[in-house]
Amino acid sequence: MSSKIYTLRADKQHPLKDVCAKLKSEMDKKLGADLCADICRTENDSQIRMLAFECFYLHMGGFASLGILLIENSREQTADVVGYGGDSIIRGANKDLAKKAVQILGELGFTVLQEKECMS
């Protein structure tokens, strides 16, 4: 299994709830990704959101997953995007999910700080 990981940052431009709403809408519309979890926490002056998506590929009999951790404080927003899952047949699907999330976040003012790929 492989995973694609991105770390992003933005000056606070859009409320976190709006960032999450756009991610949920676009991931469903563009990729047919199902939202599996939307968890919200508040710690001191930070709001934390965790979104988890899954995309099943019936014609290939496999799936890919995407996790997005968003943190907002009074100065900035950060995002960690992890595309994972898939087997050798659909190895690139997790990268596609992660890349689409990064593209959506880019439209909202986020820039990529780090990108890496892991194989297990």
Protein backbone atom coordinates (compact mmCIF):
# COMPACT_ATOMS: atom_id res chain seq x y z
CA MET A 1 0.00 0.00 0.00
CA SER A 2 1.18 3.52 -0.70
CA SER A 3 0.21 6.93 0.57
CA LYS A 4 0.62 10.49 -0.64
CA ILE A 5 0.97 13.18 2.03
CA TYR A 6 0.78 16.97 1.68
CA THR A 7 1.20 19.69 4.30
CA LEU A 8 -0.36 23.06 3.46
CA ARG A 9 -0.74 26.48 5.05
CA ALA A 10 -2.85 29.60 4.48
CA ASP A 11 -3.27 32.95 6.09
CA LYS A 12 -6.75 32.87 7.57
CA GLN A 13 -8.91 33.80 4.57
CA HIS A 14 -12.04 31.67 4.83
CA PRO A 15 -13.81 30.36 7.93
CA LEU A 16 -12.94 26.72 8.54
CA LYS A 17 -16.57 25.68 8.20
CA ASP A 18 -16.57 27.13 4.66
CA VAL A 19 -13.32 25.32 3.80
CA CYS A 20 -14.85 22.04 4.98
CA ALA A 21 -18.11 22.65 3.11
CA LYS A 22 -16.21 23.25 -0.15
CA LEU A 23 -14.07 20.15 0.34
CA LYS A 24 -17.12 17.97 1.05
CA SER A 25 -19.06 19.32 -1.90
CA GLU A 26 -16.23 19.13 -4.44
CA MET A 27 -14.95 15.69 -3.39
CA ASP A 28 -18.46 14.31 -3.84
CA LYS A 29 -19.20 16.12 -7.13
CA LYS A 30 -15.85 15.64 -8.87
CA LEU A 31 -14.74 12.23 -7.60
CA GLY A 32 -17.79 10.59 -6.06
CA ALA A 33 -15.91 10.30 -2.75
CA ASP A 34 -18.10 9.40 0.22
CA LEU A 35 -17.67 11.35 3.45
CA CYS A 36 -17.03 8.80 6.22
CA ALA A 37 -16.32 11.17 9.11
CA ASP A 38 -16.40 14.87 9.99
CA ILE A 39 -15.01 15.47 13.47
CA CYS A 40 -14.77 18.93 15.04
CA ARG A 41 -12.84 19.93 18.19
CA THR A 42 -11.91 23.22 19.83
CA GLU A 43 -8.73 23.62 21.90
CA ASN A 44 -7.86 27.03 23.38
CA ASP A 45 -7.90 29.40 20.39
CA SER A 46 -7.76 26.63 17.76
CA GLN A 47 -10.48 24.84 15.87
CA ILE A 48 -9.61 21.36 14.59
CA ARG A 49 -11.50 19.43 11.89
CA MET A 50 -10.86 15.93 10.63
CA LEU A 51 -12.52 14.85 7.38
CA ALA A 52 -12.31 11.28 6.09
CA PHE A 53 -13.39 10.21 2.60
CA GLU A 54 -13.52 6.89 0.79
CA CYS A 55 -13.89 6.17 -2.90
CA PHE A 56 -14.87 2.66 -4.04
CA TYR A 57 -13.95 1.55 -7.55
CA LEU A 58 -16.49 -1.13 -8.43
CA HIS A 59 -14.95 -1.96 -11.80
CA MET A 60 -11.61 -2.66 -10.10
CA GLY A 61 -12.96 -4.06 -6.85
CA GLY A 62 -10.94 -1.76 -4.64
CA PHE A 63 -10.98 1.52 -2.77
CA ALA A 64 -8.86 4.51 -1.86
CA SER A 65 -9.20 6.73 1.19
CA LEU A 66 -8.43 10.32 2.06
CA GLY A 67 -7.90 11.96 5.44
CA ILE A 68 -7.73 15.75 5.85
CA LEU A 69 -6.73 17.35 9.15
CA LEU A 70 -7.50 21.09 9.27
CA ILE A 71 -6.38 23.38 12.09
CA GLU A 72 -7.31 27.04 12.41
CA ASN A 73 -6.10 29.55 14.95
CA SER A 74 -6.34 33.33 15.05
CA ARG A 75 -3.44 33.77 12.59
CA GLU A 76 -3.45 30.90 10.11
CA GLN A 77 -4.91 27.65 8.85
CA THR A 78 -2.99 24.46 8.21
CA ALA A 79 -4.00 21.29 6.43
CA ASP A 80 -2.50 17.81 6.30
CA VAL A 81 -3.85 15.73 3.43
CA VAL A 82 -3.22 11.97 3.32
CA GLY A 83 -4.36 9.81 0.41
CA TYR A 84 -3.97 6.11 1.22
CA GLY A 85 -5.22 2.65 0.42
CA GLY A 86 -5.61 0.98 -2.89
CA ASP A 87 -3.80 -2.08 -4.09
CA SER A 88 -1.51 -2.60 -7.06
CA ILE A 89 -4.41 -2.36 -9.52
CA ILE A 90 -5.58 1.08 -8.34
CA ARG A 91 -2.34 2.34 -6.82
CA GLY A 92 -2.75 5.85 -8.26
CA ALA A 93 -6.28 6.41 -6.94
CA ASN A 94 -5.09 7.54 -3.50
CA LYS A 95 -2.77 10.08 -5.14
CA ASP A 96 -5.65 11.37 -7.27
CA LEU A 97 -7.83 11.88 -4.18
CA ALA A 98 -5.04 13.72 -2.36
CA LYS A 99 -4.18 15.84 -5.40
CA LYS A 100 -7.83 16.88 -5.85
CA ALA A 101 -8.06 17.93 -2.18
CA VAL A 102 -4.85 19.95 -2.54
CA GLN A 103 -6.27 21.63 -5.66
CA ILE A 104 -9.47 22.59 -3.79
CA LEU A 105 -7.45 23.94 -0.86
CA GLY A 106 -5.26 25.87 -3.30
CA GLU A 107 -8.36 27.63 -4.63
CA LEU A 108 -8.98 28.75 -1.04
CA GLY A 109 -5.51 30.27 -0.59
CA PHE A 110 -3.56 27.29 0.80
CA THR A 111 -0.02 26.64 -0.43
CA VAL A 112 1.88 23.35 -0.26
CA LEU A 113 4.74 23.37 2.24
CA GLN A 114 5.71 19.72 1.96
CA GLU A 115 4.87 16.72 -0.20
CA LYS A 116 5.95 13.12 0.28
CA GLU A 117 5.11 9.61 -0.78
CA CYS A 118 5.30 6.56 1.44
CA MET A 119 5.30 2.91 0.40
CA SER A 120 4.60 0.03 2.76
